[in-house]
Amino acid sequence: MVTADGDRLLQTNQRGRHDEDLARAVLAFARRHEETLIGGGRPIEAVRGFSAAGYAFDAVAATAPAVHGHHRAQNPGLTTVTYIVFPAFATEVSGRESLEEAQARYQKMLSPAEIGREVVPFLKMSFDNPRTGGGSTNPGRALAYPRMLRQEIPHLEGTSGGFVEWENGTGEVWRVAWDGEWVLSGAEGERRGMSLDEILQFGDETLRA
């Protein structure tokens, strides 16, 4: 489907199971919101408010040519004007992704062409655990799967000097550490006296925000 100005192409892909009605709905939604989706020049963007019968998707996302690279081998001229749009979950896209982060999300983490896929909330985290020797190798928070958050937090128990820090799709940042008890800190200050289950539940809830 071409954009309103006729200069760009909105394309959606499906792999495995195919649903023509869903594809049409995604393209129609993208066309109505094309200025927000592709007009801002971001490598990846999403608009909330999408719905389709039988699916839990609540947004449509769009990726810029530099992110998806489709048609590059056979028709590179088409690549530069093509934006890939796909049904998404609002929690999957922050709108603040760098080009490299958008490429990682689209090409490796989201499986956007699979219409039966599970949600993969946006998450960036860093951690250090002196007891296990585990920790981030990057200088700041990096993209991660939610399972990593649930995996690393319990390992902090009984470990002084360790931490897990994470950022969700809205840019909120939290940090959890062990100081004889669980210590959770964020924009609202510090909280103590929480159980491990409460900490993990809180982490899950932040990723659904």
C-alpha atoms as a PDB file:
ATOM      1  CA  MET A   1       0.000   0.000   0.000  1.00  0.00           C
ATOM      2  CA  VAL A   2       1.379   3.435  -0.921  1.00  0.00           C
ATOM      3  CA  THR A   3       1.331   6.352   1.512  1.00  0.00           C
ATOM      4  CA  ALA A   4      -0.924   9.362   1.029  1.00  0.00           C
ATOM      5  CA  ASP A   5       1.807  11.283  -0.807  1.00  0.00           C
ATOM      6  CA  GLY A   6       2.407   8.331  -3.127  1.00  0.00           C
ATOM      7  CA  ASP A   7       6.148   8.396  -2.462  1.00  0.00           C
ATOM      8  CA  ARG A   8       6.521   5.588   0.090  1.00  0.00           C
ATOM      9  CA  LEU A   9       5.319   2.037   0.499  1.00  0.00           C
ATOM     10  CA  LEU A  10       3.726   0.446   3.550  1.00  0.00           C
ATOM     11  CA  GLN A  11       4.343  -3.295   3.561  1.00  0.00           C
ATOM     12  CA  THR A  12       3.329  -5.989   6.014  1.00  0.00           C
ATOM     13  CA  ASN A  13       4.675  -9.552   6.053  1.00  0.00           C
ATOM     14  CA  GLN A  14       3.386 -12.813   7.480  1.00  0.00           C
ATOM     15  CA  ARG A  15       5.313 -16.039   7.935  1.00  0.00           C
ATOM     16  CA  GLY A  16       3.757 -19.425   8.639  1.00  0.00           C
ATOM     17  CA  ARG A  17       0.096 -18.851   9.370  1.00  0.00           C
ATOM     18  CA  HIS A  18      -1.503 -16.240   7.109  1.00  0.00           C
ATOM     19  CA  ASP A  19      -4.496 -14.034   7.871  1.00  0.00           C
ATOM     20  CA  GLU A  20      -5.551 -11.730   5.053  1.00  0.00           C
ATOM     21  CA  ASP A  21      -8.040  -9.850   7.232  1.00  0.00           C
ATOM     22  CA  LEU A  22      -5.340  -9.078   9.780  1.00  0.00           C
ATOM     23  CA  ALA A  23      -2.966  -7.894   7.065  1.00  0.00           C
ATOM     24  CA  ARG A  24      -5.606  -5.583   5.642  1.00  0.00           C
ATOM     25  CA  ALA A  25      -6.426  -4.220   9.089  1.00  0.00           C
ATOM     26  CA  VAL A  26      -2.757  -3.527   9.833  1.00  0.00           C
ATOM     27  CA  LEU A  27      -2.257  -1.687   6.551  1.00  0.00           C
ATOM     28  CA  ALA A  28      -5.448   0.334   6.964  1.00  0.00           C
ATOM     29  CA  PHE A  29      -4.466   1.350  10.494  1.00  0.00           C
ATOM     30  CA  ALA A  30      -0.948   2.233   9.357  1.00  0.00           C
ATOM     31  CA  ARG A  31      -2.308   4.375   6.534  1.00  0.00           C
ATOM     32  CA  ARG A  32      -4.532   6.298   8.961  1.00  0.00           C
ATOM     33  CA  HIS A  33      -1.597   6.911  11.295  1.00  0.00           C
ATOM     34  CA  GLU A  34       1.233   7.109   8.785  1.00  0.00           C
ATOM     35  CA  GLU A  35       2.401  10.568   9.841  1.00  0.00           C
ATOM     36  CA  THR A  36       2.993   9.371  13.402  1.00  0.00           C
ATOM     37  CA  LEU A  37       4.429   6.035  12.360  1.00  0.00           C
ATOM     38  CA  ILE A  38       6.882   7.201   9.706  1.00  0.00           C
ATOM     39  CA  GLY A  39       6.806  10.987   9.683  1.00  0.00           C
ATOM     40  CA  GLY A  40       9.016  11.468  12.720  1.00  0.00           C
ATOM     41  CA  GLY A  41      12.090   9.841  11.247  1.00  0.00           C
ATOM     42  CA  ARG A  42      12.486   7.319  14.067  1.00  0.00           C
ATOM     43  CA  PRO A  43      13.906   3.894  13.185  1.00  0.00           C
ATOM     44  CA  ILE A  44      10.957   2.190  14.866  1.00  0.00           C
ATOM     45  CA  GLU A  45       7.676   3.644  16.081  1.00  0.00           C
ATOM     46  CA  ALA A  46       4.321   2.336  17.243  1.00  0.00           C
ATOM     47  CA  VAL A  47       0.800   3.675  17.582  1.00  0.00           C
ATOM     48  CA  ARG A  48      -1.578   2.282  20.180  1.00  0.00           C
ATOM     49  CA  GLY A  49      -5.273   1.642  19.629  1.00  0.00           C
ATOM     50  CA  PHE A  50      -5.169  -1.170  17.090  1.00  0.00           C
ATOM     51  CA  SER A  51      -7.396  -4.206  17.504  1.00  0.00           C
ATOM     52  CA  ALA A  52      -8.270  -7.248  15.424  1.00  0.00           C
ATOM     53  CA  ALA A  53     -10.704 -10.022  16.242  1.00  0.00           C
ATOM     54  CA  GLY A  54      -8.964 -13.090  17.610  1.00  0.00           C
ATOM     55  CA  TYR A  55      -5.702 -11.312  18.436  1.00  0.00           C
ATOM     56  CA  ALA A  56      -4.294  -9.549  21.489  1.00  0.00           C
ATOM     57  CA  PHE A  57      -2.297  -6.994  19.484  1.00  0.00           C
ATOM     58  CA  ASP A  58      -3.017  -3.438  20.636  1.00  0.00           C
ATOM     59  CA  ALA A  59      -0.678  -1.427  18.394  1.00  0.00           C
ATOM     60  CA  VAL A  60       0.839  -1.249  14.945  1.00  0.00           C
ATOM     61  CA  ALA A  61       4.570  -0.654  14.589  1.00  0.00           C
ATOM     62  CA  ALA A  62       6.618   0.595  11.660  1.00  0.00           C
ATOM     63  CA  THR A  63      10.296   0.165  10.872  1.00  0.00           C
ATOM     64  CA  ALA A  64      12.357   2.411   8.638  1.00  0.00           C
ATOM     65  CA  PRO A  65      14.301   1.132   5.591  1.00  0.00           C
ATOM     66  CA  ALA A  66      17.612   1.115   7.486  1.00  0.00           C
ATOM     67  CA  VAL A  67      16.074  -1.226  10.044  1.00  0.00           C
ATOM     68  CA  HIS A  68      14.427  -3.903   7.919  1.00  0.00           C
ATOM     69  CA  GLY A  69      16.549  -4.028   4.758  1.00  0.00           C
ATOM     70  CA  HIS A  70      13.884  -5.811   2.721  1.00  0.00           C
ATOM     71  CA  HIS A  71      14.361  -5.822  -1.094  1.00  0.00           C
ATOM     72  CA  ARG A  72      18.026  -4.852  -0.669  1.00  0.00           C
ATOM     73  CA  ALA A  73      19.365  -7.768  -2.713  1.00  0.00           C
ATOM     74  CA  GLN A  74      16.980  -7.650  -5.674  1.00  0.00           C
ATOM     75  CA  ASN A  75      15.639  -4.097  -5.675  1.00  0.00           C
ATOM     76  CA  PRO A  76      17.651  -1.756  -3.428  1.00  0.00           C
ATOM     77  CA  GLY A  77      15.826   1.270  -4.786  1.00  0.00           C
ATOM     78  CA  LEU A  78      12.612  -0.109  -3.353  1.00  0.00           C
ATOM     79  CA  THR A  79      14.221  -0.610   0.055  1.00  0.00           C
ATOM     80  CA  THR A  80      14.722   3.108   0.568  1.00  0.00           C
ATOM     81  CA  VAL A  81      11.017   3.906   0.241  1.00  0.00           C
ATOM     82  CA  THR A  82       9.564   0.853   2.004  1.00  0.00           C
ATOM     83  CA  TYR A  83       8.376   0.886   5.618  1.00  0.00           C
ATOM     84  CA  ILE A  84       7.509  -2.454   7.183  1.00  0.00           C
ATOM     85  CA  VAL A  85       4.422  -2.294   9.383  1.00  0.00           C
ATOM     86  CA  PHE A  86       3.303  -5.098  11.648  1.00  0.00           C
ATOM     87  CA  PRO A  87       0.810  -5.864  14.432  1.00  0.00           C
ATOM     88  CA  ALA A  88       2.481  -5.282  17.769  1.00  0.00           C
ATOM     89  CA  PHE A  89       1.998  -4.824  21.468  1.00  0.00           C
ATOM     90  CA  ALA A  90       2.348  -1.282  22.764  1.00  0.00           C
ATOM     91  CA  THR A  91       4.845  -2.355  25.416  1.00  0.00           C
ATOM     92  CA  GLU A  92       7.277  -3.597  22.749  1.00  0.00           C
ATOM     93  CA  VAL A  93       8.309  -0.232  21.322  1.00  0.00           C
ATOM     94  CA  SER A  94       9.618   2.730  23.288  1.00  0.00           C
ATOM     95  CA  GLY A  95      10.087   5.127  20.375  1.00  0.00           C
ATOM     96  CA  ARG A  96      13.510   6.016  21.783  1.00  0.00           C
ATOM     97  CA  GLU A  97      15.418   3.124  20.219  1.00  0.00           C
ATOM     98  CA  SER A  98      18.678   3.836  18.441  1.00  0.00           C
ATOM     99  CA  LEU A  99      19.073   2.440  14.932  1.00  0.00           C
ATOM    100  CA  GLU A 100      21.075  -0.491  16.297  1.00  0.00           C
ATOM    101  CA  GLU A 101      18.465  -1.201  18.968  1.00  0.00           C
ATOM    102  CA  ALA A 102      15.642  -1.011  16.433  1.00  0.00           C
ATOM    103  CA  GLN A 103      17.488  -3.451  14.199  1.00  0.00           C
ATOM    104  CA  ALA A 104      17.970  -5.851  17.099  1.00  0.00           C
ATOM    105  CA  ARG A 105      14.321  -5.637  18.080  1.00  0.00           C
ATOM    106  CA  TYR A 106      13.012  -6.141  14.542  1.00  0.00           C
ATOM    107  CA  GLN A 107      15.510  -8.669  13.245  1.00  0.00           C
ATOM    108  CA  LYS A 108      16.134 -10.807  16.339  1.00  0.00           C
ATOM    109  CA  MET A 109      13.753 -10.253  19.235  1.00  0.00           C
ATOM    110  CA  LEU A 110      10.198  -9.658  18.032  1.00  0.00           C
ATOM    111  CA  SER A 111       9.535 -12.130  15.171  1.00  0.00           C
ATOM    112  CA  PRO A 112       7.182  -9.511  13.676  1.00  0.00           C
ATOM    113  CA  ALA A 113       6.030 -11.663  10.746  1.00  0.00           C
ATOM    114  CA  GLU A 114       4.659 -14.368  13.053  1.00  0.00           C
ATOM    115  CA  ILE A 115       1.082 -13.422  13.820  1.00  0.00           C
ATOM    116  CA  GLY A 116       0.756 -16.011  16.584  1.00  0.00           C
ATOM    117  CA  ARG A 117       3.758 -14.743  18.526  1.00  0.00           C
ATOM    118  CA  GLU A 118       3.905 -13.828  22.199  1.00  0.00           C
ATOM    119  CA  VAL A 119       4.533 -10.326  23.480  1.00  0.00           C
ATOM    120  CA  VAL A 120       8.186  -9.346  24.063  1.00  0.00           C
ATOM    121  CA  PRO A 121       8.078  -6.187  26.194  1.00  0.00           C
ATOM    122  CA  PHE A 122      10.791  -3.576  25.732  1.00  0.00           C
ATOM    123  CA  LEU A 123      13.476  -4.000  28.369  1.00  0.00           C
ATOM    124  CA  LYS A 124      16.966  -2.649  28.865  1.00  0.00           C
ATOM    125  CA  MET A 125      18.960  -3.828  31.845  1.00  0.00           C
ATOM    126  CA  SER A 126      22.357  -3.978  33.452  1.00  0.00           C
ATOM    127  CA  PHE A 127      23.455  -6.100  36.381  1.00  0.00           C
ATOM    128  CA  ASP A 128      26.395  -7.164  38.478  1.00  0.00           C
ATOM    129  CA  ASN A 129      26.627 -10.085  40.872  1.00  0.00           C
ATOM    130  CA  PRO A 130      29.937 -10.435  42.766  1.00  0.00           C
ATOM    131  CA  ARG A 131      28.937 -13.854  44.091  1.00  0.00           C
ATOM    132  CA  THR A 132      28.178 -15.525  40.763  1.00  0.00           C
ATOM    133  CA  GLY A 133      30.583 -13.443  38.714  1.00  0.00           C
ATOM    134  CA  GLY A 134      27.776 -12.607  36.326  1.00  0.00           C
ATOM    135  CA  GLY A 135      27.257  -9.119  35.017  1.00  0.00           C
ATOM    136  CA  SER A 136      26.820  -6.819  32.072  1.00  0.00           C
ATOM    137  CA  THR A 137      29.690  -6.301  29.680  1.00  0.00           C
ATOM    138  CA  ASN A 138      28.217  -3.139  28.143  1.00  0.00           C
ATOM    139  CA  PRO A 139      28.809   0.307  29.700  1.00  0.00           C
ATOM    140  CA  GLY A 140      25.106   0.972  30.250  1.00  0.00           C
ATOM    141  CA  ARG A 141      21.736  -0.737  30.077  1.00  0.00           C
ATOM    142  CA  ALA A 142      21.292  -2.988  27.043  1.00  0.00           C
ATOM    143  CA  LEU A 143      18.339  -4.708  25.404  1.00  0.00           C
ATOM    144  CA  ALA A 144      17.311  -7.926  27.114  1.00  0.00           C
ATOM    145  CA  TYR A 145      14.487 -10.436  27.231  1.00  0.00           C
ATOM    146  CA  PRO A 146      12.142 -10.269  30.249  1.00  0.00           C
ATOM    147  CA  ARG A 147      13.215 -13.755  31.309  1.00  0.00           C
ATOM    148  CA  MET A 148      16.665 -12.345  32.047  1.00  0.00           C
ATOM    149  CA  LEU A 149      15.205  -9.964  34.602  1.00  0.00           C
ATOM    150  CA  ARG A 150      13.384 -12.781  36.373  1.00  0.00           C
ATOM    151  CA  GLN A 151      16.523 -14.917  36.173  1.00  0.00           C
ATOM    152  CA  GLU A 152      19.026 -12.439  37.590  1.00  0.00           C
ATOM    153  CA  ILE A 153      17.061 -10.845  40.441  1.00  0.00           C
ATOM    154  CA  PRO A 154      16.799 -14.007  42.616  1.00  0.00           C
ATOM    155  CA  HIS A 155      20.568 -14.542  42.359  1.00  0.00           C
ATOM    156  CA  LEU A 156      21.104 -11.310  44.319  1.00  0.00           C
ATOM    157  CA  GLU A 157      19.694 -12.720  47.536  1.00  0.00           C
ATOM    158  CA  GLY A 158      22.424 -12.833  50.175  1.00  0.00           C
ATOM    159  CA  THR A 159      24.868 -10.982  47.928  1.00  0.00           C
ATOM    160  CA  SER A 160      26.209  -7.619  49.043  1.00  0.00           C
ATOM    161  CA  GLY A 161      27.256  -5.120  46.403  1.00  0.00           C
ATOM    162  CA  GLY A 162      25.255  -6.601  43.543  1.00  0.00           C
ATOM    163  CA  PHE A 163      22.409  -5.008  41.654  1.00  0.00           C
ATOM    164  CA  VAL A 164      19.976  -5.383  38.789  1.00  0.00           C
ATOM    165  CA  GLU A 165      18.847  -2.214  37.045  1.00  0.00           C
ATOM    166  CA  TRP A 166      16.193  -2.074  34.345  1.00  0.00           C
ATOM    167  CA  GLU A 167      14.335   0.349  32.104  1.00  0.00           C
ATOM    168  CA  ASN A 168      10.918  -0.216  30.567  1.00  0.00           C
ATOM    169  CA  GLY A 169       9.326   1.104  27.401  1.00  0.00           C
ATOM    170  CA  THR A 170       8.191   4.358  28.984  1.00  0.00           C
ATOM    171  CA  GLY A 171      11.708   5.181  30.164  1.00  0.00           C
ATOM    172  CA  GLU A 172      11.154   4.455  33.844  1.00  0.00           C
ATOM    173  CA  VAL A 173      14.197   2.999  35.604  1.00  0.00           C
ATOM    174  CA  TRP A 174      14.378   0.798  38.698  1.00  0.00           C
ATOM    175  CA  ARG A 175      17.201  -0.814  40.617  1.00  0.00           C
ATOM    176  CA  VAL A 176      17.061  -3.739  43.016  1.00  0.00           C
ATOM    177  CA  ALA A 177      19.792  -4.836  45.406  1.00  0.00           C
ATOM    178  CA  TRP A 178      20.251  -6.968  48.534  1.00  0.00           C
ATOM    179  CA  ASP A 179      21.151  -5.344  51.854  1.00  0.00           C
ATOM    180  CA  GLY A 180      20.014  -7.960  54.330  1.00  0.00           C
ATOM    181  CA  GLU A 181      16.636  -7.520  52.653  1.00  0.00           C
ATOM    182  CA  TRP A 182      15.406  -6.565  49.222  1.00  0.00           C
ATOM    183  CA  VAL A 183      15.922  -2.890  48.378  1.00  0.00           C
ATOM    184  CA  LEU A 184      14.014  -1.455  45.427  1.00  0.00           C
ATOM    185  CA  SER A 185      14.746   2.076  44.275  1.00  0.00           C
ATOM    186  CA  GLY A 186      13.357   4.246  41.517  1.00  0.00           C
ATOM    187  CA  ALA A 187      11.931   7.663  40.792  1.00  0.00           C
ATOM    188  CA  GLU A 188       9.588   7.424  43.783  1.00  0.00           C
ATOM    189  CA  GLY A 189      12.393   6.674  46.212  1.00  0.00           C
ATOM    190  CA  GLU A 190      13.407   3.526  48.048  1.00  0.00           C
ATOM    191  CA  ARG A 191      11.282   0.621  49.207  1.00  0.00           C
ATOM    192  CA  ARG A 192      12.336  -2.126  51.605  1.00  0.00           C
ATOM    193  CA  GLY A 193      10.746  -5.156  53.200  1.00  0.00           C
ATOM    194  CA  MET A 194       9.426  -6.699  49.999  1.00  0.00           C
ATOM    195  CA  SER A 195       9.524 -10.423  49.384  1.00  0.00           C
ATOM    196  CA  LEU A 196      11.201 -11.938  46.351  1.00  0.00           C
ATOM    197  CA  ASP A 197       7.807 -12.747  44.854  1.00  0.00           C
ATOM    198  CA  GLU A 198       6.742  -9.132  45.313  1.00  0.00           C
ATOM    199  CA  ILE A 199       9.921  -7.900  43.666  1.00  0.00           C
ATOM    200  CA  LEU A 200       9.445 -10.212  40.680  1.00  0.00           C
ATOM    201  CA  GLN A 201       5.783  -9.271  40.367  1.00  0.00           C
ATOM    202  CA  PHE A 202       6.718  -5.607  40.465  1.00  0.00           C
ATOM    203  CA  GLY A 203       9.264  -6.180  37.705  1.00  0.00           C
ATOM    204  CA  ASP A 204       6.660  -7.903  35.550  1.00  0.00           C
ATOM    205  CA  GLU A 205       4.202  -5.050  36.116  1.00  0.00           C
ATOM    206  CA  THR A 206       6.712  -2.401  35.060  1.00  0.00           C
ATOM    207  CA  LEU A 207       7.163  -4.130  31.721  1.00  0.00           C
ATOM    208  CA  ARG A 208       3.423  -4.041  31.106  1.00  0.00           C
ATOM    209  CA  ALA A 209       3.211  -0.299  31.669  1.00  0.00           C
END
